[in-house]
Protein backbone atom coordinates (compact mmCIF):
# COMPACT_ATOMS: atom_id res chain seq x y z
CA MET A 1 -0.92 24.51 1.13
CA PHE A 2 -0.62 23.33 -2.23
CA VAL A 3 0.03 19.54 -1.09
CA HIS A 4 -3.11 19.90 1.09
CA LEU A 5 -5.16 21.06 -2.00
CA PHE A 6 -3.77 18.27 -3.75
CA TYR A 7 -4.87 15.70 -1.40
CA ILE A 8 -8.13 17.16 -1.56
CA TYR A 9 -8.24 16.65 -5.45
CA VAL A 10 -7.00 13.25 -4.97
CA CYS A 11 -10.00 12.58 -2.69
CA TYR A 12 -12.42 13.92 -5.20
CA VAL A 13 -11.04 11.69 -8.04
CA PHE A 14 -11.24 8.77 -6.12
CA ASN A 15 -14.56 9.28 -5.21
CA SER A 16 -14.98 9.05 -9.08
CA SER A 17 -15.15 6.43 -11.57
CA LEU A 18 -11.40 7.44 -12.67
CA GLY A 19 -9.99 6.10 -9.20
CA VAL A 20 -8.74 3.12 -10.49
CA LEU A 21 -7.19 4.57 -13.70
CA LEU A 22 -5.21 7.26 -11.42
CA CYS A 23 -3.75 4.19 -9.47
CA LEU A 24 -2.61 2.74 -12.76
CA TYR A 25 -1.27 6.01 -13.82
CA TYR A 26 1.15 6.38 -10.81
CA LEU A 27 1.74 2.68 -10.82
CA ASN A 28 2.88 2.49 -14.57
CA THR A 29 4.05 5.83 -15.63
CA SER A 30 6.76 5.15 -17.42
CA LYS A 31 5.59 1.68 -19.10
CA PHE A 32 2.10 2.72 -20.54
CA PRO A 33 2.69 6.28 -22.28
CA VAL A 34 -0.84 6.06 -23.91
CA ILE A 35 -2.42 5.49 -20.54
CA LYS A 36 -0.42 8.56 -19.10
CA TYR A 37 -1.78 10.87 -22.06
CA LEU A 38 -5.55 9.44 -21.28
CA ILE A 39 -5.21 10.05 -17.62
CA ASN A 40 -3.56 13.67 -18.45
CA ILE A 41 -6.76 14.54 -20.43
CA SER A 42 -8.96 13.20 -17.99
CA VAL A 43 -7.20 15.08 -15.26
CA LEU A 44 -7.64 18.18 -16.86
CA TYR A 45 -11.10 17.63 -17.46
CA ILE A 46 -11.91 16.65 -13.95
CA THR A 47 -10.08 19.89 -12.61
CA TYR A 48 -12.09 22.09 -15.34
CA LEU A 49 -15.44 20.42 -13.93
CA LEU A 50 -14.54 20.89 -10.26
CA ILE A 51 -13.44 24.59 -10.80
CA TYR A 52 -16.88 24.89 -13.08
CA VAL A 53 -19.30 23.56 -10.31
CA ARG A 54 -17.49 25.35 -7.50
CA PHE A 55 -17.36 28.67 -9.05
CA CYS A 56 -19.91 28.69 -11.54
CA SER A 57 -22.98 26.92 -10.17
């Protein structure tokens, strides 16, 4: 169930402008800690927006 929700979430992300950054994050997780930090912040923000739109609109 969690994996299924994760793939749905990935689809949402790849439909946004952060899809390319997400690819960079998975390819270079250990090489670019700054990018990793920025992506973590971005993912949290996107998650918040998705939850807000789904349950608060």
